[in-house]
Amino acid sequence: MKELREVFDGKGQVKGFKFTQIKKTEHAYLYRVDTGSSKHYEIFERKENTQFNCVSYPSNKAFGLWAKTTSDYNRALDILELTEAKVVLRKEVSNG
């Protein structure tokens, strides 16, 4: 399974943005996004794309569902921790 790159430049709607992985857990990621005029953080669940054998970065439509954004670094860390816990709990419940 191909993992997400730690640093990459955006394409399409986010062309010119620089994405830098700040932290990852078993089930979630935290990236800093530099737009050139501001910085914010994107936090999201790890989603495997089995069709392409890779982990997928969320599209715009994922935000508010399984991806979140904030301009506050400490809040981003809290969201990452909550996201990880939510995924772990969901897996525990589904496994009985």
PDB file of N, CA and C in Angstrom:
ATOM      1  N   MET A   1       0.849  -1.174   0.000  1.00  0.00           N
ATOM      2  CA  MET A   1       0.000   0.000   0.000  1.00  0.00           C
ATOM      3  C   MET A   1       0.899   1.243   0.000  1.00  0.00           C
ATOM      4  N   LYS A   2       0.713   2.082  -0.993  1.00  0.00           N
ATOM      5  CA  LYS A   2       1.500   3.313  -1.089  1.00  0.00           C
ATOM      6  C   LYS A   2       0.931   4.360  -0.133  1.00  0.00           C
ATOM      7  N   GLU A   3       1.784   4.859   0.750  1.00  0.00           N
ATOM      8  CA  GLU A   3       1.373   5.865   1.730  1.00  0.00           C
ATOM      9  C   GLU A   3       1.389   7.262   1.108  1.00  0.00           C
ATOM     10  N   LEU A   4       0.787   8.197   1.808  1.00  0.00           N
ATOM     11  CA  LEU A   4       0.805   9.595   1.374  1.00  0.00           C
ATOM     12  C   LEU A   4       2.217  10.154   1.491  1.00  0.00           C
ATOM     13  N   ARG A   5       2.569  11.045   0.588  1.00  0.00           N
ATOM     14  CA  ARG A   5       3.872  11.713   0.673  1.00  0.00           C
ATOM     15  C   ARG A   5       3.879  12.667   1.855  1.00  0.00           C
ATOM     16  N   GLU A   6       5.050  12.863   2.428  1.00  0.00           N
ATOM     17  CA  GLU A   6       5.168  13.751   3.576  1.00  0.00           C
ATOM     18  C   GLU A   6       5.097  15.218   3.173  1.00  0.00           C
ATOM     19  N   VAL A   7       5.602  15.544   1.980  1.00  0.00           N
ATOM     20  CA  VAL A   7       5.562  16.919   1.468  1.00  0.00           C
ATOM     21  C   VAL A   7       5.177  16.845  -0.007  1.00  0.00           C
ATOM     22  N   PHE A   8       4.218  17.686  -0.414  1.00  0.00           N
ATOM     23  CA  PHE A   8       3.857  17.743  -1.831  1.00  0.00           C
ATOM     24  C   PHE A   8       3.192  19.071  -2.152  1.00  0.00           C
ATOM     25  N   ASP A   9       3.185  19.418  -3.416  1.00  0.00           N
ATOM     26  CA  ASP A   9       2.536  20.634  -3.901  1.00  0.00           C
ATOM     27  C   ASP A   9       1.155  20.278  -4.431  1.00  0.00           C
ATOM     28  N   GLY A  10       0.190  21.148  -4.132  1.00  0.00           N
ATOM     29  CA  GLY A  10      -1.173  20.913  -4.560  1.00  0.00           C
ATOM     30  C   GLY A  10      -1.353  21.041  -6.064  1.00  0.00           C
ATOM     31  N   LYS A  11      -2.426  20.403  -6.544  1.00  0.00           N
ATOM     32  CA  LYS A  11      -2.801  20.462  -7.956  1.00  0.00           C
ATOM     33  C   LYS A  11      -4.278  20.821  -8.038  1.00  0.00           C
ATOM     34  N   GLY A  12      -4.726  21.233  -9.206  1.00  0.00           N
ATOM     35  CA  GLY A  12      -6.135  21.556  -9.398  1.00  0.00           C
ATOM     36  C   GLY A  12      -6.562  22.742  -8.549  1.00  0.00           C
ATOM     37  N   GLN A  13      -7.622  22.561  -7.742  1.00  0.00           N
ATOM     38  CA  GLN A  13      -8.161  23.635  -6.912  1.00  0.00           C
ATOM     39  C   GLN A  13      -7.169  24.146  -5.879  1.00  0.00           C
ATOM     40  N   VAL A  14      -6.193  23.337  -5.519  1.00  0.00           N
ATOM     41  CA  VAL A  14      -5.219  23.731  -4.495  1.00  0.00           C
ATOM     42  C   VAL A  14      -3.821  23.928  -5.101  1.00  0.00           C
ATOM     43  N   LYS A  15      -3.782  24.240  -6.387  1.00  0.00           N
ATOM     44  CA  LYS A  15      -2.507  24.498  -7.055  1.00  0.00           C
ATOM     45  C   LYS A  15      -1.809  25.674  -6.377  1.00  0.00           C
ATOM     46  N   GLY A  16      -0.532  25.504  -6.088  1.00  0.00           N
ATOM     47  CA  GLY A  16       0.243  26.541  -5.427  1.00  0.00           C
ATOM     48  C   GLY A  16       0.304  26.373  -3.916  1.00  0.00           C
ATOM     49  N   PHE A  17      -0.522  25.483  -3.368  1.00  0.00           N
ATOM     50  CA  PHE A  17      -0.488  25.215  -1.933  1.00  0.00           C
ATOM     51  C   PHE A  17       0.601  24.185  -1.652  1.00  0.00           C
ATOM     52  N   LYS A  18       1.262  24.311  -0.506  1.00  0.00           N
ATOM     53  CA  LYS A  18       2.271  23.337  -0.097  1.00  0.00           C
ATOM     54  C   LYS A  18       1.724  22.553   1.100  1.00  0.00           C
ATOM     55  N   PHE A  19       1.727  21.239   0.993  1.00  0.00           N
ATOM     56  CA  PHE A  19       1.215  20.344   2.021  1.00  0.00           C
ATOM     57  C   PHE A  19       2.379  19.653   2.713  1.00  0.00           C
ATOM     58  N   THR A  20       2.400  19.712   4.044  1.00  0.00           N
ATOM     59  CA  THR A  20       3.463  19.095   4.827  1.00  0.00           C
ATOM     60  C   THR A  20       2.843  18.257   5.936  1.00  0.00           C
ATOM     61  N   GLN A  21       3.199  16.972   5.945  1.00  0.00           N
ATOM     62  CA  GLN A  21       2.694  16.087   6.997  1.00  0.00           C
ATOM     63  C   GLN A  21       3.370  16.442   8.313  1.00  0.00           C
ATOM     64  N   ILE A  22       2.577  16.761   9.316  1.00  0.00           N
ATOM     65  CA  ILE A  22       3.076  17.128  10.635  1.00  0.00           C
ATOM     66  C   ILE A  22       3.102  15.914  11.553  1.00  0.00           C
ATOM     67  N   LYS A  23       2.056  15.104  11.456  1.00  0.00           N
ATOM     68  CA  LYS A  23       1.942  13.950  12.338  1.00  0.00           C
ATOM     69  C   LYS A  23       0.995  12.945  11.714  1.00  0.00           C
ATOM     70  N   LYS A  24       1.229  11.671  12.016  1.00  0.00           N
ATOM     71  CA  LYS A  24       0.268  10.654  11.613  1.00  0.00           C
ATOM     72  C   LYS A  24       0.176   9.612  12.707  1.00  0.00           C
ATOM     73  N   THR A  25      -0.984   8.995  12.776  1.00  0.00           N
ATOM     74  CA  THR A  25      -1.226   7.905  13.702  1.00  0.00           C
ATOM     75  C   THR A  25      -1.563   6.682  12.845  1.00  0.00           C
ATOM     76  N   GLU A  26      -1.965   5.621  13.469  1.00  0.00           N
ATOM     77  CA  GLU A  26      -2.318   4.423  12.703  1.00  0.00           C
ATOM     78  C   GLU A  26      -3.517   4.671  11.785  1.00  0.00           C
ATOM     79  N   HIS A  27      -4.432   5.563  12.221  1.00  0.00           N
ATOM     80  CA  HIS A  27      -5.691   5.742  11.496  1.00  0.00           C
ATOM     81  C   HIS A  27      -5.972   7.170  11.045  1.00  0.00           C
ATOM     82  N   ALA A  28      -5.025   8.099  11.230  1.00  0.00           N
ATOM     83  CA  ALA A  28      -5.316   9.501  10.899  1.00  0.00           C
ATOM     84  C   ALA A  28      -4.040  10.273  10.556  1.00  0.00           C
ATOM     85  N   TYR A  29      -4.236  11.396   9.870  1.00  0.00           N
ATOM     86  CA  TYR A  29      -3.130  12.258   9.439  1.00  0.00           C
ATOM     87  C   TYR A  29      -3.395  13.701   9.837  1.00  0.00           C
ATOM     88  N   LEU A  30      -2.299  14.447   9.988  1.00  0.00           N
ATOM     89  CA  LEU A  30      -2.349  15.892  10.213  1.00  0.00           C
ATOM     90  C   LEU A  30      -1.353  16.532   9.250  1.00  0.00           C
ATOM     91  N   TYR A  31      -1.865  17.413   8.382  1.00  0.00           N
ATOM     92  CA  TYR A  31      -1.029  18.143   7.425  1.00  0.00           C
ATOM     93  C   TYR A  31      -1.158  19.639   7.677  1.00  0.00           C
ATOM     94  N   ARG A  32      -0.038  20.362   7.508  1.00  0.00           N
ATOM     95  CA  ARG A  32      -0.060  21.820   7.479  1.00  0.00           C
ATOM     96  C   ARG A  32      -0.168  22.208   6.003  1.00  0.00           C
ATOM     97  N   VAL A  33      -1.042  23.157   5.719  1.00  0.00           N
ATOM     98  CA  VAL A  33      -1.239  23.622   4.353  1.00  0.00           C
ATOM     99  C   VAL A  33      -0.851  25.091   4.300  1.00  0.00           C
ATOM    100  N   ASP A  34       0.136  25.400   3.466  1.00  0.00           N
ATOM    101  CA  ASP A  34       0.600  26.776   3.274  1.00  0.00           C
ATOM    102  C   ASP A  34       0.064  27.250   1.929  1.00  0.00           C
ATOM    103  N   THR A  35      -0.838  28.236   1.976  1.00  0.00           N
ATOM    104  CA  THR A  35      -1.468  28.738   0.746  1.00  0.00           C
ATOM    105  C   THR A  35      -0.661  29.851   0.092  1.00  0.00           C
ATOM    106  N   GLY A  36       0.395  30.284   0.779  1.00  0.00           N
ATOM    107  CA  GLY A  36       1.169  31.418   0.305  1.00  0.00           C
ATOM    108  C   GLY A  36       0.827  32.675   1.070  1.00  0.00           C
ATOM    109  N   SER A  37      -0.462  32.811   1.435  1.00  0.00           N
ATOM    110  CA  SER A  37      -0.884  33.975   2.211  1.00  0.00           C
ATOM    111  C   SER A  37      -1.346  33.596   3.618  1.00  0.00           C
ATOM    112  N   SER A  38      -1.561  32.308   3.848  1.00  0.00           N
ATOM    113  CA  SER A  38      -1.981  31.846   5.177  1.00  0.00           C
ATOM    114  C   SER A  38      -1.603  30.373   5.343  1.00  0.00           C
ATOM    115  N   LYS A  39      -1.741  29.912   6.582  1.00  0.00           N
ATOM    116  CA  LYS A  39      -1.494  28.499   6.883  1.00  0.00           C
ATOM    117  C   LYS A  39      -2.687  27.967   7.664  1.00  0.00           C
ATOM    118  N   HIS A  40      -3.026  26.719   7.400  1.00  0.00           N
ATOM    119  CA  HIS A  40      -4.052  26.035   8.176  1.00  0.00           C
ATOM    120  C   HIS A  40      -3.688  24.557   8.255  1.00  0.00           C
ATOM    121  N   TYR A  41      -4.482  23.802   8.979  1.00  0.00           N
ATOM    122  CA  TYR A  41      -4.202  22.381   9.196  1.00  0.00           C
ATOM    123  C   TYR A  41      -5.381  21.550   8.726  1.00  0.00           C
ATOM    124  N   GLU A  42      -5.060  20.421   8.105  1.00  0.00           N
ATOM    125  CA  GLU A  42      -6.081  19.483   7.664  1.00  0.00           C
ATOM    126  C   GLU A  42      -5.849  18.164   8.387  1.00  0.00           C
ATOM    127  N   ILE A  43      -6.918  17.645   8.976  1.00  0.00           N
ATOM    128  CA  ILE A  43      -6.863  16.423   9.751  1.00  0.00           C
ATOM    129  C   ILE A  43      -7.882  15.466   9.151  1.00  0.00           C
ATOM    130  N   PHE A  44      -7.480  14.225   8.925  1.00  0.00           N
ATOM    131  CA  PHE A  44      -8.401  13.305   8.271  1.00  0.00           C
ATOM    132  C   PHE A  44      -8.089  11.851   8.578  1.00  0.00           C
ATOM    133  N   GLU A  45      -9.118  11.029   8.416  1.00  0.00           N
ATOM    134  CA  GLU A  45      -8.977   9.590   8.607  1.00  0.00           C
ATOM    135  C   GLU A  45      -8.146   8.988   7.480  1.00  0.00           C
ATOM    136  N   ARG A  46      -7.442   7.930   7.791  1.00  0.00           N
ATOM    137  CA  ARG A  46      -6.673   7.189   6.791  1.00  0.00           C
ATOM    138  C   ARG A  46      -7.666   6.348   5.983  1.00  0.00           C
ATOM    139  N   LYS A  47      -7.728   6.608   4.683  1.00  0.00           N
ATOM    140  CA  LYS A  47      -8.626   5.876   3.790  1.00  0.00           C
ATOM    141  C   LYS A  47      -7.797   5.185   2.717  1.00  0.00           C
ATOM    142  N   GLU A  48      -7.918   3.869   2.638  1.00  0.00           N
ATOM    143  CA  GLU A  48      -7.176   3.097   1.643  1.00  0.00           C
ATOM    144  C   GLU A  48      -8.001   2.976   0.370  1.00  0.00           C
ATOM    145  N   ASN A  49      -7.367   3.284  -0.751  1.00  0.00           N
ATOM    146  CA  ASN A  49      -7.987   3.136  -2.061  1.00  0.00           C
ATOM    147  C   ASN A  49      -7.465   1.825  -2.650  1.00  0.00           C
ATOM    148  N   THR A  50      -8.249   0.759  -2.521  1.00  0.00           N
ATOM    149  CA  THR A  50      -7.787  -0.560  -2.963  1.00  0.00           C
ATOM    150  C   THR A  50      -7.674  -0.643  -4.489  1.00  0.00           C
ATOM    151  N   GLN A  51      -8.423   0.188  -5.200  1.00  0.00           N
ATOM    152  CA  GLN A  51      -8.348   0.183  -6.664  1.00  0.00           C
ATOM    153  C   GLN A  51      -6.958   0.602  -7.146  1.00  0.00           C
ATOM    154  N   PHE A  52      -6.344   1.562  -6.452  1.00  0.00           N
ATOM    155  CA  PHE A  52      -5.031   2.065  -6.848  1.00  0.00           C
ATOM    156  C   PHE A  52      -3.929   1.673  -5.861  1.00  0.00           C
ATOM    157  N   ASN A  53      -4.278   0.856  -4.844  1.00  0.00           N
ATOM    158  CA  ASN A  53      -3.325   0.366  -3.855  1.00  0.00           C
ATOM    159  C   ASN A  53      -2.567   1.516  -3.178  1.00  0.00           C
ATOM    160  N   CYS A  54      -3.326   2.519  -2.720  1.00  0.00           N
ATOM    161  CA  CYS A  54      -2.702   3.670  -2.078  1.00  0.00           C
ATOM    162  C   CYS A  54      -3.638   4.273  -1.039  1.00  0.00           C
ATOM    163  N   VAL A  55      -3.082   5.105  -0.181  1.00  0.00           N
ATOM    164  CA  VAL A  55      -3.884   5.894   0.755  1.00  0.00           C
ATOM    165  C   VAL A  55      -4.266   7.178   0.025  1.00  0.00           C
ATOM    166  N   SER A  56      -5.510   7.601   0.180  1.00  0.00           N
ATOM    167  CA  SER A  56      -6.005   8.773  -0.540  1.00  0.00           C
ATOM    168  C   SER A  56      -6.098  10.004   0.357  1.00  0.00           C
ATOM    169  N   TYR A  57      -5.675  11.138  -0.188  1.00  0.00           N
ATOM    170  CA  TYR A  57      -5.873  12.431   0.473  1.00  0.00           C
ATOM    171  C   TYR A  57      -7.320  12.830   0.209  1.00  0.00           C
ATOM    172  N   PRO A  58      -8.004  13.416   1.183  1.00  0.00           N
ATOM    173  CA  PRO A  58      -9.420  13.748   0.988  1.00  0.00           C
ATOM    174  C   PRO A  58      -9.648  14.834  -0.071  1.00  0.00           C
ATOM    175  N   SER A  59     -10.761  14.696  -0.779  1.00  0.00           N
ATOM    176  CA  SER A  59     -11.184  15.740  -1.715  1.00  0.00           C
ATOM    177  C   SER A  59     -11.959  16.795  -0.924  1.00  0.00           C
ATOM    178  N   ASN A  60     -12.320  17.874  -1.574  1.00  0.00           N
ATOM    179  CA  ASN A  60     -13.084  18.942  -0.916  1.00  0.00           C
ATOM    180  C   ASN A  60     -14.374  18.411  -0.289  1.00  0.00           C
ATOM    181  N   LYS A  61     -15.005  17.424  -0.935  1.00  0.00           N
ATOM    182  CA  LYS A  61     -16.279  16.888  -0.460  1.00  0.00           C
ATOM    183  C   LYS A  61     -16.153  16.127   0.857  1.00  0.00           C
ATOM    184  N   ALA A  62     -14.947  15.683   1.209  1.00  0.00           N
ATOM    185  CA  ALA A  62     -14.741  14.904   2.437  1.00  0.00           C
ATOM    186  C   ALA A  62     -14.717  15.779   3.688  1.00  0.00           C
ATOM    187  N   PHE A  63     -14.420  17.065   3.516  1.00  0.00           N
ATOM    188  CA  PHE A  63     -14.309  17.948   4.670  1.00  0.00           C
ATOM    189  C   PHE A  63     -15.687  18.176   5.288  1.00  0.00           C
ATOM    190  N   GLY A  64     -15.737  17.952   6.596  1.00  0.00           N
ATOM    191  CA  GLY A  64     -16.993  17.970   7.318  1.00  0.00           C
ATOM    192  C   GLY A  64     -17.533  16.573   7.537  1.00  0.00           C
ATOM    193  N   LEU A  65     -17.007  15.603   6.787  1.00  0.00           N
ATOM    194  CA  LEU A  65     -17.409  14.206   6.949  1.00  0.00           C
ATOM    195  C   LEU A  65     -16.298  13.440   7.670  1.00  0.00           C
ATOM    196  N   TRP A  66     -15.238  13.091   6.942  1.00  0.00           N
ATOM    197  CA  TRP A  66     -14.126  12.362   7.562  1.00  0.00           C
ATOM    198  C   TRP A  66     -12.826  13.164   7.537  1.00  0.00           C
ATOM    199  N   ALA A  67     -12.944  14.426   7.191  1.00  0.00           N
ATOM    200  CA  ALA A  67     -11.795  15.340   7.199  1.00  0.00           C
ATOM    201  C   ALA A  67     -12.224  16.668   7.813  1.00  0.00           C
ATOM    202  N   LYS A  68     -11.289  17.297   8.516  1.00  0.00           N
ATOM    203  CA  LYS A  68     -11.565  18.580   9.190  1.00  0.00           C
ATOM    204  C   LYS A  68     -10.428  19.555   8.889  1.00  0.00           C
ATOM    205  N   THR A  69     -10.700  20.837   9.116  1.00  0.00           N
ATOM    206  CA  THR A  69      -9.675  21.861   8.936  1.00  0.00           C
ATOM    207  C   THR A  69      -9.765  22.877  10.071  1.00  0.00           C
ATOM    208  N   THR A  70      -8.619  23.428  10.450  1.00  0.00           N
ATOM    209  CA  THR A  70      -8.558  24.460  11.481  1.00  0.00           C
ATOM    210  C   THR A  70      -7.287  25.282  11.277  1.00  0.00           C
ATOM    211  N   SER A  71      -7.319  26.512  11.740  1.00  0.00           N
ATOM    212  CA  SER A  71      -6.118  27.343  11.663  1.00  0.00           C
ATOM    213  C   SER A  71      -5.309  27.271  12.957  1.00  0.00           C
ATOM    214  N   ASP A  72      -5.852  26.607  13.978  1.00  0.00           N
ATOM    215  CA  ASP A  72      -5.212  26.516  15.286  1.00  0.00           C
ATOM    216  C   ASP A  72      -4.474  25.179  15.434  1.00  0.00           C
ATOM    217  N   TYR A  73      -3.163  25.245  15.625  1.00  0.00           N
ATOM    218  CA  TYR A  73      -2.344  24.028  15.704  1.00  0.00           C
ATOM    219  C   TYR A  73      -2.764  23.126  16.866  1.00  0.00           C
ATOM    220  N   ASN A  74      -2.975  23.705  18.050  1.00  0.00           N
ATOM    221  CA  ASN A  74      -3.361  22.881  19.205  1.00  0.00           C
ATOM    222  C   ASN A  74      -4.723  22.225  18.992  1.00  0.00           C
ATOM    223  N   ARG A  75      -5.625  22.941  18.358  1.00  0.00           N
ATOM    224  CA  ARG A  75      -6.935  22.361  18.023  1.00  0.00           C
ATOM    225  C   ARG A  75      -6.750  21.224  17.019  1.00  0.00           C
ATOM    226  N   ALA A  76      -5.841  21.396  16.074  1.00  0.00           N
ATOM    227  CA  ALA A  76      -5.566  20.343  15.090  1.00  0.00           C
ATOM    228  C   ALA A  76      -5.080  19.069  15.788  1.00  0.00           C
ATOM    229  N   LEU A  77      -4.208  19.220  16.771  1.00  0.00           N
ATOM    230  CA  LEU A  77      -3.727  18.056  17.530  1.00  0.00           C
ATOM    231  C   LEU A  77      -4.878  17.371  18.265  1.00  0.00           C
ATOM    232  N   ASP A  78      -5.779  18.170  18.845  1.00  0.00           N
ATOM    233  CA  ASP A  78      -6.953  17.605  19.522  1.00  0.00           C
ATOM    234  C   ASP A  78      -7.842  16.845  18.547  1.00  0.00           C
ATOM    235  N   ILE A  79      -8.065  17.420  17.374  1.00  0.00           N
ATOM    236  CA  ILE A  79      -8.899  16.768  16.361  1.00  0.00           C
ATOM    237  C   ILE A  79      -8.250  15.465  15.906  1.00  0.00           C
ATOM    238  N   LEU A  80      -6.932  15.468  15.735  1.00  0.00           N
ATOM    239  CA  LEU A  80      -6.219  14.249  15.342  1.00  0.00           C
ATOM    240  C   LEU A  80      -6.449  13.152  16.387  1.00  0.00           C
ATOM    241  N   GLU A  81      -6.304  13.505  17.650  1.00  0.00           N
ATOM    242  CA  GLU A  81      -6.499  12.534  18.732  1.00  0.00           C
ATOM    243  C   GLU A  81      -7.939  12.007  18.738  1.00  0.00           C
ATOM    244  N   LEU A  82      -8.903  12.896  18.570  1.00  0.00           N
ATOM    245  CA  LEU A  82     -10.311  12.486  18.529  1.00  0.00           C
ATOM    246  C   LEU A  82     -10.608  11.609  17.316  1.00  0.00           C
ATOM    247  N   THR A  83     -10.027  11.954  16.180  1.00  0.00           N
ATOM    248  CA  THR A  83     -10.235  11.174  14.960  1.00  0.00           C
ATOM    249  C   THR A  83      -9.684   9.769  15.135  1.00  0.00           C
ATOM    250  N   GLU A  84      -8.490   9.662  15.679  1.00  0.00           N
ATOM    251  CA  GLU A  84      -7.888   8.351  15.928  1.00  0.00           C
ATOM    252  C   GLU A  84      -8.778   7.530  16.866  1.00  0.00           C
ATOM    253  N   ALA A  85      -9.222   8.131  17.952  1.00  0.00           N
ATOM    254  CA  ALA A  85     -10.057   7.425  18.927  1.00  0.00           C
ATOM    255  C   ALA A  85     -11.378   6.976  18.298  1.00  0.00           C
ATOM    256  N   LYS A  86     -11.966   7.829  17.467  1.00  0.00           N
ATOM    257  CA  LYS A  86     -13.239   7.505  16.818  1.00  0.00           C
ATOM    258  C   LYS A  86     -13.087   6.293  15.896  1.00  0.00           C
ATOM    259  N   VAL A  87     -12.006   6.256  15.131  1.00  0.00           N
ATOM    260  CA  VAL A  87     -11.792   5.134  14.217  1.00  0.00           C
ATOM    261  C   VAL A  87     -11.553   3.845  14.999  1.00  0.00           C
ATOM    262  N   VAL A  88     -10.747   3.919  16.044  1.00  0.00           N
ATOM    263  CA  VAL A  88     -10.473   2.739  16.868  1.00  0.00           C
ATOM    264  C   VAL A  88     -11.770   2.213  17.475  1.00  0.00           C
ATOM    265  N   LEU A  89     -12.590   3.110  18.024  1.00  0.00           N
ATOM    266  CA  LEU A  89     -13.861   2.703  18.622  1.00  0.00           C
ATOM    267  C   LEU A  89     -14.781   2.072  17.582  1.00  0.00           C
ATOM    268  N   ARG A  90     -14.866   2.684  16.412  1.00  0.00           N
ATOM    269  CA  ARG A  90     -15.711   2.150  15.339  1.00  0.00           C
ATOM    270  C   ARG A  90     -15.276   0.739  14.959  1.00  0.00           C
ATOM    271  N   LYS A  91     -13.956   0.496  14.899  1.00  0.00           N
ATOM    272  CA  LYS A  91     -13.449  -0.840  14.557  1.00  0.00           C
ATOM    273  C   LYS A  91     -13.752  -1.837  15.670  1.00  0.00           C
ATOM    274  N   GLU A  92     -13.614  -1.405  16.918  1.00  0.00           N
ATOM    275  CA  GLU A  92     -13.912  -2.292  18.044  1.00  0.00           C
ATOM    276  C   GLU A  92     -15.387  -2.696  18.048  1.00  0.00           C
ATOM    277  N   VAL A  93     -16.263  -1.735  17.799  1.00  0.00           N
ATOM    278  CA  VAL A  93     -17.696  -2.003  17.777  1.00  0.00           C
ATOM    279  C   VAL A  93     -18.044  -2.955  16.631  1.00  0.00           C
ATOM    280  N   SER A  94     -17.459  -2.732  15.456  1.00  0.00           N
ATOM    281  CA  SER A  94     -17.772  -3.578  14.300  1.00  0.00           C
ATOM    282  C   SER A  94     -17.213  -4.985  14.446  1.00  0.00           C
ATOM    283  N   ASN A  95     -16.180  -5.148  15.251  1.00  0.00           N
ATOM    284  CA  ASN A  95     -15.593  -6.485  15.468  1.00  0.00           C
ATOM    285  C   ASN A  95     -16.268  -7.223  16.624  1.00  0.00           C
ATOM    286  N   GLY A  96     -17.213  -6.575  17.267  1.00  0.00           N
ATOM    287  CA  GLY A  96     -17.977  -7.223  18.321  1.00  0.00           C
ATOM    288  C   GLY A  96     -17.295  -7.156  19.610  1.00  0.00           C
TER     289      GLY A  96
END
